[in-house]
Protein backbone atom coordinates (compact mmCIF):
# COMPACT_ATOMS: atom_id res chain seq x y z
CA MET A 1 94.95 86.04 126.52
CA VAL A 2 93.20 89.36 125.46
CA SER A 3 91.95 91.81 127.97
CA ILE A 4 89.69 94.13 127.48
CA SER A 5 89.51 97.25 129.38
CA THR A 6 86.17 98.38 130.78
CA GLY A 7 87.36 101.82 132.00
CA ALA A 8 87.99 105.11 129.93
CA PRO A 9 87.10 105.49 126.27
CA PHE A 10 89.35 104.32 123.65
CA GLN A 11 90.81 107.37 121.41
CA ALA A 12 92.01 106.85 117.62
CA GLN A 13 94.05 109.14 116.32
CA TRP A 14 95.17 110.66 113.18
CA THR A 15 97.89 108.57 112.02
CA ALA A 16 100.38 108.77 108.54
CA ASN A 17 98.00 105.80 106.95
CA ASN A 18 94.60 107.61 107.48
CA SER A 19 96.04 111.66 107.51
CA SER A 20 94.00 111.58 103.95
CA LEU A 21 90.70 111.30 105.73
CA LYS A 22 91.05 114.61 107.37
CA TYR A 23 89.40 117.49 106.32
CA PRO A 24 91.46 119.81 103.99
CA GLU A 25 93.25 123.01 106.06
CA TYR A 26 92.56 126.53 104.63
CA SER A 27 93.64 129.77 105.23
CA GLY A 28 92.68 133.44 104.32
CA VAL A 29 90.42 133.79 101.02
CA ALA A 30 90.35 129.68 100.90
CA TYR A 31 88.95 129.46 104.31
CA VAL A 32 86.19 131.93 104.22
CA ALA A 33 84.90 129.82 100.75
CA SER A 34 85.12 126.61 102.19
CA LYS A 35 82.85 128.37 105.41
CA VAL A 36 80.49 129.49 102.74
CA LYS A 37 80.46 126.24 100.49
CA ARG A 38 79.55 124.40 103.74
CA VAL A 39 76.63 126.61 104.50
CA LEU A 40 75.36 126.81 101.11
CA LEU A 41 75.51 122.91 100.70
CA SER A 42 74.52 121.91 104.42
CA LEU A 43 70.81 120.89 103.08
CA PRO A 44 71.55 118.94 100.57
CA ASN A 45 74.53 117.29 102.20
CA ALA A 46 72.46 116.41 105.17
CA ILE A 47 70.02 114.93 102.96
CA ALA A 48 72.62 112.95 101.20
CA ALA A 49 74.08 112.04 104.29
CA LEU A 50 70.68 110.92 106.17
CA CYS A 51 70.17 108.43 102.55
CA PHE A 52 73.47 106.79 103.26
CA ASN A 53 73.93 106.73 106.79
CA PRO A 54 70.80 107.18 109.04
CA SER A 55 71.17 107.56 112.78
CA LEU A 56 71.54 104.12 114.58
CA THR A 57 73.96 104.83 117.34
CA THR A 58 72.77 103.70 120.76
CA ARG A 59 74.65 104.55 123.98
CA LYS A 60 75.63 101.31 125.43
CA THR A 61 76.79 101.10 128.62
CA PRO A 62 80.67 100.13 128.53
CA GLY A 63 81.80 96.79 129.88
CA LEU A 64 80.82 93.07 130.03
CA HIS A 65 77.21 92.26 128.55
CA SER A 66 76.79 88.55 128.30
CA THR A 67 79.20 85.52 128.47
CA THR A 68 78.55 81.84 127.12
CA SER A 69 80.23 78.52 127.56
CA ASN A 70 82.98 79.61 125.23
CA SER A 71 83.00 83.61 124.70
CA LYS A 72 82.49 86.81 126.07
CA CYS A 73 81.06 89.81 124.67
CA TYR A 74 81.90 93.23 125.77
CA TYR A 75 80.51 96.98 125.02
CA LYS A 76 83.62 99.37 124.12
CA GLU A 77 83.26 102.92 123.88
CA VAL A 78 85.27 104.57 120.73
CA THR A 79 86.35 107.75 120.18
CA THR A 80 87.50 108.44 116.10
CA PRO A 81 90.42 111.19 115.64
CA ASP A 82 87.37 113.59 114.84
CA ASN A 83 85.85 113.08 118.68
CA VAL A 84 82.41 111.10 117.69
CA THR A 85 81.72 108.19 120.05
CA LEU A 86 80.97 104.70 118.50
CA PHE A 87 79.92 101.81 120.61
CA ALA A 88 81.62 98.60 119.73
CA LYS A 89 80.09 95.27 120.57
CA ILE A 90 82.95 92.53 121.30
CA ARG A 91 82.30 88.94 121.17
CA ILE A 92 85.65 87.41 121.97
CA LEU A 93 86.78 83.51 122.73
CA ASN A 94 87.50 82.94 125.94
CA ASP A 95 90.86 81.51 125.01
CA SER A 96 91.71 84.24 122.30
CA THR A 97 94.88 85.46 121.83
CA LYS A 98 96.52 88.10 120.15
CA ASP A 99 97.18 86.16 116.84
CA THR A 100 93.26 84.89 116.95
CA LYS A 101 91.37 85.59 113.70
CA THR A 102 89.50 88.51 114.42
CA ALA A 103 86.98 90.09 111.87
CA ILE A 104 85.22 93.51 111.79
CA LEU A 105 81.82 93.41 110.60
CA LEU A 106 80.81 96.67 108.52
CA ASN A 107 76.70 97.33 107.82
CA PRO A 108 74.85 98.19 104.82
CA LEU A 109 72.99 101.07 104.09
CA GLY A 110 70.16 101.76 106.62
CA ALA A 111 70.77 98.84 109.10
CA SER A 112 72.32 98.09 112.25
CA SER A 113 74.81 95.56 113.14
CA ILE A 114 71.87 92.99 114.06
CA VAL A 115 71.96 91.83 110.48
CA HIS A 116 75.34 90.25 111.27
CA ASP A 117 73.89 88.22 113.48
CA GLY A 118 73.42 84.91 111.67
CA LEU A 119 77.15 85.37 110.03
CA ALA A 120 78.73 86.64 113.77
CA THR A 121 77.25 83.47 115.18
CA LYS A 122 78.94 81.31 112.31
CA LEU A 123 82.30 82.97 112.97
CA LEU A 124 82.26 82.49 116.39
CA GLN A 125 81.43 78.91 116.40
CA GLU A 126 84.80 78.57 114.10
CA GLY A 127 86.79 79.92 116.67
CA ILE A 128 86.86 83.72 115.23
CA ASN A 129 86.25 86.88 117.37
CA VAL A 130 83.70 89.33 116.08
CA VAL A 131 83.63 93.06 116.46
CA THR A 132 80.40 94.90 115.18
CA PHE A 133 79.23 98.47 115.53
CA ASN A 134 77.18 101.37 114.22
CA TYR A 135 77.97 104.36 112.01
CA ARG A 136 78.25 107.74 113.61
CA GLY A 137 74.71 108.71 112.26
CA TYR A 138 73.82 111.31 109.48
CA LYS A 139 74.10 114.70 111.80
CA ASP A 140 78.09 113.92 112.24
CA THR A 141 78.38 112.54 108.93
CA TYR A 142 79.32 115.10 106.01
CA ARG A 143 81.12 112.68 103.50
CA ALA A 144 82.43 109.27 102.62
CA GLU A 145 85.55 109.93 104.33
CA ASP A 146 83.60 110.06 107.93
CA LEU A 147 82.49 106.59 107.74
CA VAL A 148 85.68 105.02 106.52
CA LEU A 149 87.29 107.24 110.08
CA ASP A 150 84.77 105.13 111.69
CA GLY A 151 86.01 101.87 110.51
CA GLU A 152 89.73 102.70 110.71
CA SER A 153 88.73 103.78 114.33
CA ILE A 154 87.43 100.04 115.21
CA TYR A 155 90.60 98.67 113.59
CA GLN A 156 93.00 100.87 115.48
CA PHE A 157 91.18 100.23 118.75
CA LEU A 158 91.77 96.24 117.88
CA VAL A 159 95.38 96.70 117.03
CA ASP A 160 96.53 99.63 119.66
CA ASP A 161 94.60 99.26 122.23
CA LEU A 162 93.97 94.97 122.26
CA GLU A 163 97.39 94.48 120.71
CA MET A 164 95.77 92.51 118.44
CA ASN A 165 98.18 91.01 115.62
CA LYS A 166 97.08 93.40 112.51
CA ASP A 167 97.78 90.21 110.31
CA SER A 168 94.87 88.39 112.15
CA VAL A 169 92.47 91.20 112.18
CA ASN A 170 90.29 90.81 108.65
CA PHE A 171 86.84 92.82 107.49
CA PHE A 172 83.99 91.50 106.28
CA GLY A 173 81.17 94.54 104.65
CA TYR A 174 77.87 94.16 103.51
CA SER A 175 76.60 96.42 100.67
CA LEU A 176 77.91 100.22 101.69
CA GLY A 177 79.81 98.15 104.30
CA GLY A 178 81.79 96.57 101.49
CA ALA A 179 82.98 99.64 100.30
CA ILE A 180 83.64 101.12 103.48
CA ALA A 181 85.43 97.65 104.59
CA THR A 182 87.33 98.16 101.17
CA SER A 183 88.62 101.74 101.75
CA VAL A 184 89.53 101.15 105.14
CA LYS A 185 91.83 97.62 104.07
CA ALA A 186 93.58 100.14 101.40
CA LEU A 187 95.09 102.38 104.41
CA HIS A 188 96.71 99.31 105.81
CA PRO A 189 98.48 97.52 102.86
CA GLU A 190 101.34 96.83 105.70
CA SER A 191 98.62 94.27 107.30
CA LYS A 192 98.05 90.49 106.15
CA GLY A 193 94.34 90.57 107.23
CA LYS A 194 91.44 89.35 104.76
CA LEU A 195 89.05 91.39 102.95
CA VAL A 196 85.64 89.70 102.18
CA ALA A 197 83.13 92.27 100.20
CA ASP A 198 79.86 91.01 100.18
CA ARG A 199 77.48 92.56 97.28
CA ALA A 200 79.56 95.82 97.20
CA PHE A 201 79.75 98.33 94.17
CA LYS A 202 82.72 99.73 93.01
CA SER A 203 82.05 103.70 93.01
CA VAL A 204 78.98 105.96 93.93
CA TYR A 205 79.55 107.36 90.28
CA SER A 206 78.82 103.56 88.63
CA LEU A 207 76.00 102.80 90.93
CA LEU A 208 74.05 105.78 90.25
CA THR A 209 74.60 105.85 86.42
CA GLU A 210 74.35 101.93 86.23
CA ASN A 211 71.05 102.30 88.02
CA LEU A 212 69.50 105.48 86.32
CA CYS A 213 70.08 104.95 82.87
CA ILE A 214 67.78 103.52 80.53
CA SER A 215 69.39 100.64 78.84
CA ARG A 216 65.58 98.84 77.20
CA PHE A 217 66.05 101.04 74.23
CA GLY A 218 69.83 100.45 73.03
CA ARG A 219 73.12 101.29 73.83
CA VAL A 220 72.54 104.70 72.20
CA ILE A 221 69.59 106.12 74.60
CA LYS A 222 71.75 103.85 77.56
CA LYS A 223 74.68 106.00 77.01
CA ILE A 224 72.73 109.44 76.53
CA THR A 225 70.62 108.55 79.62
CA SER A 226 74.11 107.54 81.56
CA LEU A 227 75.57 111.10 80.51
CA VAL A 228 72.47 112.66 81.43
CA MET A 229 72.66 110.95 85.19
CA SER A 230 76.12 111.55 85.46
CA ILE A 231 75.90 115.11 85.39
CA PHE A 232 72.74 115.84 87.12
CA VAL A 233 73.17 112.99 89.61
CA ALA A 234 76.50 111.23 90.73
CA TYR A 235 78.63 114.54 89.90
CA PRO A 236 76.63 116.48 92.48
CA ALA A 237 77.07 113.45 94.79
CA TYR A 238 81.00 113.79 94.14
CA LEU A 239 80.90 117.21 94.82
CA LEU A 240 79.01 116.46 98.07
CA GLY A 241 81.92 114.18 98.74
CA TRP A 242 80.12 110.85 98.72
CA GLU A 243 82.27 108.24 96.65
CA PHE A 244 84.21 105.36 97.04
CA ARG A 245 87.35 104.88 94.67
CA ASN A 246 87.36 101.13 95.68
CA ASP A 247 87.87 100.28 91.82
CA ARG A 248 91.54 101.46 92.52
CA ASN A 249 91.33 100.27 95.90
CA ILE A 250 90.34 96.64 95.34
CA THR A 251 92.99 96.37 92.35
CA GLU A 252 96.06 97.80 94.94
CA LEU A 253 95.24 95.63 97.75
CA THR A 254 98.06 92.84 98.05
CA SER A 255 96.16 91.05 100.99
CA GLU A 256 93.59 87.99 100.22
CA LYS A 257 89.96 89.23 99.46
CA LEU A 258 87.10 87.39 98.68
CA VAL A 259 84.40 89.57 97.07
CA ILE A 260 80.40 88.34 96.56
CA TYR A 261 77.85 89.06 94.08
CA HIS A 262 74.73 87.89 92.73
CA PRO A 263 74.23 88.00 89.01
CA ASN A 264 70.98 89.21 89.59
CA ASP A 265 71.07 92.08 92.02
CA ILE A 266 68.28 94.63 92.13
CA LEU A 267 70.43 97.58 93.51
CA VAL A 268 74.11 96.48 92.63
CA PRO A 269 74.38 95.47 89.11
CA TYR A 270 76.88 93.25 87.77
CA SER A 271 78.94 96.01 85.91
CA ALA A 272 79.03 98.52 89.27
CA SER A 273 80.10 95.50 91.25
CA LEU A 274 83.78 95.17 92.81
CA ALA A 275 83.47 91.63 91.16
CA SER A 276 83.52 93.42 87.69
CA ILE A 277 87.05 94.12 88.30
CA CYS A 278 88.35 91.34 90.35
CA ASP A 279 90.10 87.96 89.28
CA ASP A 280 87.30 84.85 89.16
CA ASP A 281 89.60 83.21 91.82
CA ASP A 282 88.61 86.08 94.08
CA VAL A 283 84.94 85.92 93.45
CA LEU A 284 82.03 84.14 94.76
CA GLU A 285 78.72 84.08 92.67
CA LEU A 286 75.69 83.81 94.69
CA ASN A 287 72.65 81.60 93.11
CA ARG A 288 71.79 82.92 89.92
CA ALA A 289 68.02 80.99 90.14
CA VAL A 290 66.75 83.73 93.06
CA VAL A 291 65.33 86.97 91.43
CA GLY A 292 63.91 89.77 93.38
CA GLY A 293 64.61 91.77 96.20
CA THR A 294 66.51 89.40 98.41
CA THR A 295 69.37 89.13 95.78
CA HIS A 296 70.27 92.71 97.49
CA PHE A 297 68.73 93.13 100.64
CA ALA A 298 68.83 89.51 102.19
CA PRO A 299 72.09 89.18 104.28
CA ILE A 300 74.85 86.19 103.27
CA ALA A 301 73.24 84.17 106.10
CA HIS A 302 70.04 83.86 103.91
CA GLN A 303 71.72 83.25 100.14
CA ASP A 304 73.43 80.09 98.60
CA SER A 305 75.72 80.19 96.51
CA GLN A 306 75.89 79.22 92.99
CA ASN A 307 78.21 76.06 93.15
CA GLY A 308 76.28 74.65 96.15
CA GLU A 309 78.51 75.37 99.19
CA ASP A 310 77.05 77.60 102.04
CA PRO A 311 78.30 80.76 101.65
CA LEU A 312 78.57 81.13 105.74
CA ASP A 313 80.57 78.11 105.43
CA PHE A 314 82.62 79.42 102.59
CA VAL A 315 83.25 83.25 104.25
CA ALA A 316 84.40 81.30 107.38
CA ASN A 317 86.67 78.99 105.93
CA PHE A 318 88.18 81.73 103.60
CA LEU A 319 88.80 84.12 107.05
CA LYS A 320 89.97 81.54 109.28
CA ALA A 321 92.55 79.88 106.73
């Protein structure tokens, strides 16, 4: 049986796996230059962080929150290696062991963890524990790695504190959450845990340039406007620390993965999606007859797949197999 301590917060640690997420250490002139750069970029950085990661974290009282006939719900305080407090919501089946499949669900941009309620209910029905949380919020966020560190801290809590089998800990990420989940999963090549990336982008660069370029007037105009957007929008975002290199991470994963995309996605076009660089066997296409805002902004519980199978059933069966 799995026992959850309701006492002191869990303190995540810097490890060999996540050391790449640390801020670079400088000395002498480089240290002074880094401080000046941080001051000069503080306003644009705050604006970028607010767009990527609005503050949705609310303090929860750690401990048992609720019970059902087959599961219990706990809140647990988790402290990241850089000392930011997160609150994990753990819905765990009564008969759970350390080998029971468990899914960490990561949120899309600007949404709280309640966006996963439909999926969480389905996974619990299928015998899979569920862990959700909200990111640290923009006041503690300065770059993409900060959000990856949040996901990494929740993973450490499950593996180190609850002593869950690392091969049984899976990730599901929706949109921005898919980019974060892929980045966290790439930190742990030793784990056979699975990844589901739902309508996720392969990089911020591709997302911005593909959305902001003008393609209606032909390939030449598209290339010119894409270059302009890369110089004045995508590259500044990179300089501010907002980039996910999941075009590399997703291809290097050795564990099983499922990448979901919508052919009419109004935010993440196919050319910018993770699906565009994955094998067909690893991809689930959503219903191409649907257009409009729901193609991206409706969660997986409100989607249909192109092959007629309920995406919730598909995801649940993939994770529990």
